[in-house]
Structures are given as structure tokens and as C-alpha cells.
N, C-alpha and C. Protein backbone atom coordinates (compact mmCIF):
# COMPACT_ATOMS: atom_id res chain seq x y z
N MET A 1 25.51 181.40 -14.94
CA MET A 1 26.66 182.36 -14.22
C MET A 1 27.97 182.24 -13.99
N ARG A 2 27.85 181.00 -12.85
CA ARG A 2 28.90 180.32 -12.73
C ARG A 2 29.88 180.41 -13.72
N ARG A 3 29.43 179.78 -15.00
CA ARG A 3 30.98 179.54 -15.68
C ARG A 3 30.73 180.55 -16.04
N LEU A 4 29.67 181.50 -16.76
CA LEU A 4 29.96 182.96 -17.21
C LEU A 4 31.24 183.37 -16.31
N ALA A 5 31.17 183.85 -15.14
CA ALA A 5 31.93 183.86 -14.49
C ALA A 5 33.06 183.62 -13.95
N ALA A 6 33.37 182.48 -14.47
CA ALA A 6 34.14 182.04 -14.05
C ALA A 6 35.33 182.56 -15.34
N ALA A 7 34.76 182.48 -16.60
CA ALA A 7 34.65 182.11 -18.03
C ALA A 7 35.72 183.88 -17.80
N LEU A 8 34.93 184.60 -17.55
CA LEU A 8 35.00 186.29 -17.61
C LEU A 8 36.41 186.26 -16.70
N VAL A 9 36.09 185.82 -15.47
CA VAL A 9 37.37 186.01 -14.66
C VAL A 9 38.24 185.65 -15.46
N LEU A 10 38.36 183.92 -15.84
CA LEU A 10 39.42 184.01 -16.16
C LEU A 10 40.64 185.10 -17.64
N CYS A 11 39.38 184.80 -18.48
CA CYS A 11 39.63 185.82 -19.09
C CYS A 11 40.20 186.88 -19.47
N ALA A 12 39.77 187.71 -18.18
CA ALA A 12 40.48 188.85 -17.85
C ALA A 12 42.04 188.70 -17.28
N ALA A 13 41.98 187.81 -16.85
CA ALA A 13 43.38 187.47 -15.86
C ALA A 13 44.24 187.03 -17.44
N MET A 14 43.88 186.52 -18.26
CA MET A 14 44.46 186.08 -19.62
C MET A 14 44.91 187.11 -20.12
N ILE A 15 43.93 187.97 -20.39
CA ILE A 15 44.25 189.39 -21.39
C ILE A 15 44.96 190.14 -20.35
N GLY A 16 45.33 190.06 -19.26
CA GLY A 16 45.80 191.37 -18.61
C GLY A 16 45.15 192.51 -18.76
N CYS A 17 45.40 193.40 -17.51
CA CYS A 17 44.38 194.27 -16.97
C CYS A 17 45.18 195.78 -17.47
N ALA A 18 45.56 195.24 -18.38
CA ALA A 18 46.12 197.27 -19.02
C ALA A 18 44.77 198.10 -18.21
N GLU A 19 43.50 197.73 -18.71
CA GLU A 19 42.35 199.10 -18.20
C GLU A 19 42.22 197.91 -17.28
N SER A 20 42.69 197.53 -16.20
CA SER A 20 41.30 197.14 -15.21
C SER A 20 40.74 198.29 -14.49
N SER A 21 39.76 197.69 -13.71
CA SER A 21 39.00 198.33 -12.93
C SER A 21 39.51 199.18 -11.33
N ALA A 22 40.61 198.81 -11.40
CA ALA A 22 41.44 199.30 -10.47
C ALA A 22 41.99 200.97 -10.86
N THR A 23 42.39 201.04 -11.95
CA THR A 23 42.66 202.50 -12.87
C THR A 23 41.47 202.86 -13.70
N PHE A 24 41.02 202.27 -14.05
CA PHE A 24 39.57 202.57 -15.07
C PHE A 24 38.48 203.49 -14.25
N THR A 25 38.41 204.56 -14.61
CA THR A 25 37.05 204.99 -14.32
C THR A 25 35.95 205.10 -14.97
N LEU A 26 34.71 205.05 -14.69
CA LEU A 26 33.79 205.19 -15.55
C LEU A 26 33.08 205.92 -15.93
N PRO A 27 33.22 206.63 -17.12
CA PRO A 27 32.21 207.83 -17.21
C PRO A 27 30.64 208.22 -16.35
N THR A 28 30.15 209.04 -16.46
CA THR A 28 29.18 209.04 -15.55
C THR A 28 27.55 208.76 -16.88
N THR A 29 27.52 207.88 -16.30
CA THR A 29 26.24 207.19 -17.53
C THR A 29 25.12 208.48 -17.75
N ASP A 30 24.46 207.74 -19.07
CA ASP A 30 23.32 208.58 -19.79
C ASP A 30 22.05 208.51 -19.15
N ALA A 31 21.14 209.17 -19.23
CA ALA A 31 19.71 208.67 -18.88
C ALA A 31 19.44 207.45 -19.19
N ASN A 32 19.56 207.61 -20.86
CA ASN A 32 18.96 206.47 -21.23
C ASN A 32 19.47 205.41 -21.79
N VAL A 33 19.64 204.12 -20.87
CA VAL A 33 20.57 202.75 -20.79
C VAL A 33 20.20 201.67 -21.43
N THR A 34 18.70 201.73 -21.75
CA THR A 34 18.37 200.67 -22.19
C THR A 34 18.43 200.54 -24.01
N GLY A 35 18.65 199.21 -24.27
CA GLY A 35 18.45 198.38 -25.42
C GLY A 35 19.39 197.16 -25.46
N THR A 36 20.08 197.08 -26.43
CA THR A 36 20.81 195.74 -27.12
C THR A 36 22.29 196.14 -27.28
N PHE A 37 23.20 195.28 -26.67
CA PHE A 37 24.37 195.84 -26.73
C PHE A 37 25.17 194.35 -26.62
N SER A 38 26.32 194.19 -28.18
CA SER A 38 26.91 193.39 -28.26
C SER A 38 28.83 193.92 -27.87
N LEU A 39 29.16 192.51 -26.94
CA LEU A 39 30.33 192.97 -26.84
C LEU A 39 31.69 193.05 -27.94
N VAL A 40 32.53 193.86 -28.22
CA VAL A 40 33.31 194.20 -28.81
C VAL A 40 35.00 193.85 -28.17
N ALA A 41 35.18 194.20 -27.29
CA ALA A 41 36.39 194.21 -26.40
C ALA A 41 36.59 193.74 -25.12
N ALA A 42 37.19 193.28 -24.49
CA ALA A 42 37.79 192.80 -23.30
C ALA A 42 38.90 193.00 -22.74
N ASN A 43 39.34 194.05 -22.26
CA ASN A 43 40.08 194.82 -21.38
C ASN A 43 41.44 195.51 -22.73
N GLY A 44 40.65 196.10 -23.84
CA GLY A 44 41.07 196.23 -25.17
C GLY A 44 41.31 195.34 -26.32
N GLN A 45 41.02 194.12 -26.07
CA GLN A 45 41.30 193.12 -26.89
C GLN A 45 40.09 192.85 -27.39
N PRO A 46 40.21 192.79 -28.96
CA PRO A 46 38.70 192.17 -29.81
C PRO A 46 38.28 190.66 -29.82
N LEU A 47 37.16 190.94 -29.36
CA LEU A 47 37.07 189.07 -29.80
C LEU A 47 37.12 188.49 -31.44
N PRO A 48 37.19 187.23 -31.07
CA PRO A 48 36.95 186.39 -30.07
C PRO A 48 38.17 186.30 -29.09
N ILE A 49 37.92 185.93 -27.86
CA ILE A 49 39.38 185.77 -26.90
C ILE A 49 39.26 184.32 -26.11
N VAL A 50 40.17 184.22 -25.53
CA VAL A 50 40.83 182.70 -24.70
C VAL A 50 39.77 183.15 -23.72
N ALA A 51 38.78 182.40 -23.29
CA ALA A 51 37.87 182.79 -22.04
C ALA A 51 38.82 181.76 -20.90
N GLN A 52 38.82 180.48 -21.24
CA GLN A 52 39.11 179.41 -20.40
C GLN A 52 40.30 178.59 -21.37
N LEU A 53 41.38 178.10 -20.62
CA LEU A 53 42.14 176.63 -20.98
C LEU A 53 42.26 175.77 -20.23
N THR A 54 41.88 174.49 -20.61
CA THR A 54 41.99 173.25 -19.41
C THR A 54 42.75 172.46 -20.49
N PRO A 55 43.56 170.93 -19.95
CA PRO A 55 44.23 170.55 -20.27
C PRO A 55 43.62 169.66 -22.03
N THR A 56 42.06 169.81 -21.80
CA THR A 56 42.04 169.08 -22.64
C THR A 56 40.99 169.77 -24.09
N GLU A 57 40.57 171.70 -23.33
CA GLU A 57 39.59 172.33 -24.29
C GLU A 57 40.25 173.69 -24.19
N GLN A 58 39.48 174.60 -25.28
CA GLN A 58 40.06 175.92 -25.44
C GLN A 58 38.93 176.40 -25.14
N TRP A 59 37.82 177.31 -24.71
CA TRP A 59 37.07 177.80 -24.27
C TRP A 59 37.56 179.74 -25.17
N ASN A 60 36.78 179.65 -26.14
CA ASN A 60 36.88 180.98 -26.71
C ASN A 60 35.71 181.87 -26.63
N LEU A 61 35.68 183.05 -26.01
CA LEU A 61 34.31 183.88 -25.73
C LEU A 61 34.53 184.43 -27.38
N SER A 62 33.09 184.07 -28.12
CA SER A 62 32.38 185.00 -29.47
C SER A 62 32.20 185.59 -29.58
N ALA A 63 31.27 185.84 -28.31
CA ALA A 63 29.87 186.71 -28.62
C ALA A 63 29.41 186.68 -27.52
N ASP A 64 28.86 188.25 -27.03
CA ASP A 64 27.87 188.70 -25.89
C ASP A 64 27.10 189.62 -26.03
N LYS A 65 25.57 189.25 -25.87
CA LYS A 65 24.98 189.99 -26.22
C LYS A 65 24.02 190.81 -24.94
N LEU A 66 23.83 191.80 -24.28
CA LEU A 66 23.34 191.97 -23.27
C LEU A 66 22.09 193.02 -23.38
N VAL A 67 21.42 192.69 -22.92
CA VAL A 67 19.66 193.84 -23.33
C VAL A 67 19.51 194.17 -21.96
N LEU A 68 19.35 195.75 -21.62
CA LEU A 68 18.57 196.10 -20.62
C LEU A 68 17.35 196.88 -21.19
N ASP A 69 16.51 196.57 -20.71
CA ASP A 69 15.03 196.99 -20.56
C ASP A 69 14.93 198.16 -19.70
N THR A 70 13.79 198.64 -19.73
CA THR A 70 12.77 199.85 -19.38
C THR A 70 12.27 199.49 -17.86
N LEU A 71 12.13 198.46 -17.37
CA LEU A 71 12.17 197.91 -16.30
C LEU A 71 12.84 197.78 -14.94
N GLY A 72 14.28 198.17 -15.43
CA GLY A 72 15.62 197.56 -14.55
C GLY A 72 15.65 196.36 -14.71
N LYS A 73 15.64 195.50 -16.12
CA LYS A 73 15.85 194.02 -15.97
C LYS A 73 16.96 193.95 -17.14
N TRP A 74 17.81 192.96 -16.94
CA TRP A 74 19.07 192.80 -18.15
C TRP A 74 19.15 190.78 -18.08
N THR A 75 19.76 190.81 -19.57
CA THR A 75 19.50 189.40 -19.54
C THR A 75 20.77 189.57 -20.87
N GLU A 76 21.67 188.26 -20.34
CA GLU A 76 22.96 187.93 -21.09
C GLU A 76 23.08 186.72 -22.17
N THR A 77 23.12 186.91 -23.34
CA THR A 77 23.55 185.51 -23.75
C THR A 77 25.10 185.44 -24.58
N THR A 78 25.63 184.70 -23.63
CA THR A 78 26.94 184.76 -23.60
C THR A 78 27.11 183.72 -24.82
N THR A 79 28.24 183.48 -26.25
CA THR A 79 28.31 182.05 -26.69
C THR A 79 30.16 182.13 -26.45
N TYR A 80 30.19 180.63 -26.20
CA TYR A 80 31.30 180.15 -26.15
C TYR A 80 31.64 179.34 -27.48
N THR A 81 32.81 179.39 -28.25
CA THR A 81 33.05 178.30 -29.28
C THR A 81 34.38 177.48 -28.21
N VAL A 82 33.92 175.90 -28.29
CA VAL A 82 34.81 175.01 -27.44
C VAL A 82 35.52 174.56 -28.30
N LEU A 83 37.09 174.70 -27.96
CA LEU A 83 37.99 173.73 -29.54
C LEU A 83 38.59 172.53 -28.49
N THR A 84 37.98 170.98 -29.00
CA THR A 84 38.47 169.98 -28.52
C THR A 84 40.32 169.80 -28.70
N LEU A 85 41.22 170.22 -27.77
CA LEU A 85 42.56 169.89 -28.19
C LEU A 85 42.89 168.84 -29.12
N ALA A 86 42.20 167.74 -28.58
CA ALA A 86 43.23 166.31 -29.51
C ALA A 86 42.58 166.15 -30.84
N SER A 87 41.22 166.94 -30.56
CA SER A 87 40.88 166.50 -32.03
C SER A 87 40.65 167.28 -33.27
N GLY A 88 40.34 168.54 -32.57
CA GLY A 88 40.76 169.85 -33.29
C GLY A 88 38.86 170.20 -33.47
N ALA A 89 38.00 169.49 -33.42
CA ALA A 89 36.88 169.84 -33.17
C ALA A 89 36.20 171.31 -32.39
N THR A 90 35.28 171.73 -33.25
CA THR A 90 34.68 172.67 -31.91
C THR A 90 33.19 172.51 -32.10
N ARG A 91 32.77 172.93 -30.98
CA ARG A 91 31.34 173.19 -30.55
C ARG A 91 31.14 174.50 -30.00
N ASP A 92 29.38 174.75 -30.45
CA ASP A 92 28.80 176.35 -29.74
C ASP A 92 28.35 175.99 -28.26
N THR A 93 28.88 176.98 -27.49
CA THR A 93 27.53 176.52 -25.89
C THR A 93 27.19 178.13 -25.57
N LEU A 94 26.08 177.76 -24.92
CA LEU A 94 25.69 179.21 -24.91
C LEU A 94 25.66 178.98 -22.90
N ALA A 95 25.67 180.44 -22.71
CA ALA A 95 25.28 180.42 -20.99
C ALA A 95 24.47 181.58 -20.92
N ASN A 96 23.50 181.67 -20.82
CA ASN A 96 22.47 182.73 -20.06
C ASN A 96 22.60 183.33 -18.78
N THR A 97 22.54 184.55 -18.26
CA THR A 97 22.39 185.40 -17.24
C THR A 97 21.13 186.23 -17.23
N ILE A 98 20.93 186.26 -15.73
CA ILE A 98 19.22 187.39 -15.57
C ILE A 98 19.65 188.20 -14.60
N GLY A 99 19.39 189.64 -14.39
CA GLY A 99 19.49 189.97 -13.72
C GLY A 99 18.89 190.96 -13.17
N THR A 100 18.66 192.34 -12.60
CA THR A 100 18.46 193.92 -12.20
C THR A 100 19.56 194.63 -12.52
N TYR A 101 18.69 196.48 -12.31
CA TYR A 101 19.82 196.67 -12.37
C TYR A 101 19.26 198.29 -11.67
N ALA A 102 20.00 199.42 -11.33
CA ALA A 102 19.60 200.28 -11.31
C ALA A 102 20.38 201.55 -11.11
N ILE A 103 20.37 202.46 -11.49
CA ILE A 103 21.05 203.91 -11.84
C ILE A 103 21.19 204.50 -10.81
N ALA A 104 22.73 204.63 -9.67
CA ALA A 104 22.91 205.61 -8.66
C ALA A 104 24.28 206.55 -9.03
N ASN A 105 24.34 207.64 -8.60
CA ASN A 105 25.64 207.97 -7.88
C ASN A 105 26.69 208.14 -10.14
N GLY A 106 25.78 208.56 -11.05
CA GLY A 106 25.92 208.39 -12.16
C GLY A 106 26.64 206.97 -12.55
N GLN A 107 26.22 205.79 -11.94
CA GLN A 107 26.46 204.58 -12.74
C GLN A 107 25.36 203.35 -12.76
N ILE A 108 25.69 202.45 -13.51
CA ILE A 108 24.60 201.74 -13.58
C ILE A 108 25.49 200.59 -12.29
N ASN A 109 24.16 200.45 -11.31
CA ASN A 109 24.58 199.20 -10.59
C ASN A 109 23.84 197.68 -10.96
N PHE A 110 24.45 196.61 -11.44
CA PHE A 110 24.08 195.23 -11.87
C PHE A 110 23.70 194.77 -10.74
N ILE A 111 22.73 193.73 -10.99
CA ILE A 111 23.07 192.27 -9.73
C ILE A 111 22.57 191.27 -10.36
N VAL A 112 23.12 190.09 -10.61
CA VAL A 112 23.23 188.98 -11.15
C VAL A 112 21.65 188.43 -10.13
N THR A 113 20.78 187.67 -10.66
CA THR A 113 19.88 186.90 -9.59
C THR A 113 19.51 185.54 -10.97
N THR A 114 19.65 185.12 -11.57
CA THR A 114 19.88 183.74 -11.77
C THR A 114 20.73 183.38 -13.37
N PRO A 115 21.53 182.66 -12.29
CA PRO A 115 21.89 182.02 -11.20
C PRO A 115 22.53 182.85 -10.25
N PRO A 116 21.78 182.68 -8.69
CA PRO A 116 21.90 184.00 -7.64
C PRO A 116 23.59 184.05 -7.73
N GLY A 117 23.77 185.47 -7.36
CA GLY A 117 25.01 185.72 -7.23
C GLY A 117 25.82 187.24 -7.34
N GLY A 118 26.65 187.94 -6.91
CA GLY A 118 26.88 189.15 -7.42
C GLY A 118 26.85 190.06 -7.92
N GLY A 119 27.73 190.73 -8.49
CA GLY A 119 27.20 192.00 -8.90
C GLY A 119 28.23 192.56 -9.80
N PHE A 120 28.04 194.02 -10.41
CA PHE A 120 29.19 194.76 -11.16
C PHE A 120 28.59 196.01 -11.65
N THR A 121 29.31 196.69 -12.26
CA THR A 121 29.19 198.40 -12.54
C THR A 121 29.19 198.65 -13.66
N GLY A 122 28.47 199.60 -14.16
CA GLY A 122 29.02 200.05 -15.82
C GLY A 122 27.95 200.89 -15.93
N SER A 123 28.38 201.62 -16.96
CA SER A 123 27.72 203.07 -17.64
C SER A 123 27.88 203.17 -18.79
N VAL A 124 26.52 203.70 -19.76
CA VAL A 124 26.58 203.97 -20.90
C VAL A 124 26.65 205.34 -21.58
N THR A 125 27.45 205.61 -22.77
CA THR A 125 27.71 206.80 -23.20
C THR A 125 27.94 206.96 -24.46
N GLY A 126 26.30 207.14 -25.18
CA GLY A 126 25.95 207.41 -26.49
C GLY A 126 25.77 205.74 -27.08
N LYS A 127 26.31 205.04 -27.35
CA LYS A 127 26.08 203.94 -27.87
C LYS A 127 27.02 202.76 -27.71
N THR A 128 28.10 203.46 -26.34
CA THR A 128 28.70 202.84 -25.87
C THR A 128 28.42 201.96 -24.43
N LEU A 129 28.74 200.66 -24.01
CA LEU A 129 28.31 200.04 -23.19
C LEU A 129 29.78 200.03 -22.43
N THR A 130 29.67 200.16 -20.91
CA THR A 130 31.36 199.72 -20.66
C THR A 130 30.87 199.00 -19.16
N LEU A 131 31.46 198.24 -18.65
CA LEU A 131 31.10 197.39 -18.04
C LEU A 131 32.71 196.94 -16.86
N LEU A 132 32.60 197.08 -15.40
CA LEU A 132 33.93 196.74 -14.96
C LEU A 132 33.58 195.70 -13.99
N TYR A 133 34.28 194.75 -14.57
CA TYR A 133 33.87 193.48 -13.81
C TYR A 133 34.77 192.71 -13.31
N SER A 134 35.32 192.26 -11.97
CA SER A 134 36.66 190.79 -11.79
C SER A 134 37.56 191.72 -12.32
N GLY A 135 37.68 192.91 -11.98
CA GLY A 135 38.89 193.13 -12.35
C GLY A 135 39.78 193.76 -13.87
N GLY A 136 38.29 193.44 -14.93
CA GLY A 136 38.45 193.56 -15.95
C GLY A 136 37.17 194.37 -16.85
N THR A 137 37.44 195.22 -17.57
CA THR A 137 37.01 196.38 -18.29
C THR A 137 36.32 196.05 -19.30
N PHE A 138 35.24 195.61 -20.05
CA PHE A 138 34.20 194.80 -21.19
C PHE A 138 33.55 196.33 -21.58
N GLN A 139 33.47 195.94 -22.93
CA GLN A 139 33.38 197.31 -23.91
C GLN A 139 31.84 196.48 -24.76
N TYR A 140 31.13 196.84 -24.87
CA TYR A 140 29.46 196.84 -25.79
C TYR A 140 29.60 198.27 -26.66
N THR A 141 28.91 198.00 -27.80
CA THR A 141 28.11 198.97 -28.61
C THR A 141 26.58 198.48 -29.07
N ARG A 142 25.94 199.83 -29.04
CA ARG A 142 24.82 199.48 -29.25
C ARG A 142 24.22 199.16 -30.90
């Protein structure tokens, strides 16, 4: 999660926060939030997006799947396509995160449990899951 969290923070910073959580208000969540959701956009930008850039590599966020179960647990699998700048070679890297969630005050409150640390909010309306995370807005579809 630390790598994922760092990448999403960098992603939000690199994309810009035109729809940052400071100005974006979540709609009231539906009662049924369970399901499998796939990331389609971060701050209004479609995938893939540059999540991190180092002197030797470019990490592109190419896919993210978030599953919310009926027991208040969630899992996330993030796929990065890593480009080695010197050679042009690419490789895929997966990051997995696990947590719990609860609905309160019209929104979903997510807690990260593995690896431990942090939290974020979101809501489901129809087939769309919107997350507010580290100043960025992330949109998923079922």
C-alpha cells in the first residue's frame, strides 16, 4: 500500500487537482455498495496515467480493481506498467491492498488494514464509485 499510496499521491499531483477533494463533494452513497469496480479516470484523466516518474523509470497506472464485499471488507489490485527509460523495456507490477469499510453520514469510509495505515472516503451512485484520496478524485465503474 505504501507504494500504491505514494503512486496515487504522485499521480494526483502530476495530473493536477482540477477536481480535487477540496472542491469536490461526494454525492450521497447508495445503500448497495458491493461489487467489483474498475478505475476509469483520475482527476478526469482516463487511464493509463503516469503515477510516478524517477530518473530511470516511468510508472504508468494501467488498471485498478476495487472489490467491496457484503461483510464490510474491500480488496484492491493495482497494475502498473513500468517503463525503463534507458532501454524502453516494460514490465507489469501488481500491488495489493486490503481494508474495511463502513457507511456513515451518506458516504463510505474506507480504512486500509494491509499494509496498515490511512483511510479515504467514497460513494457509490448507480454503477459509479467515486473515491476522494490524497487530494485526488478517482472514478470507477461496475
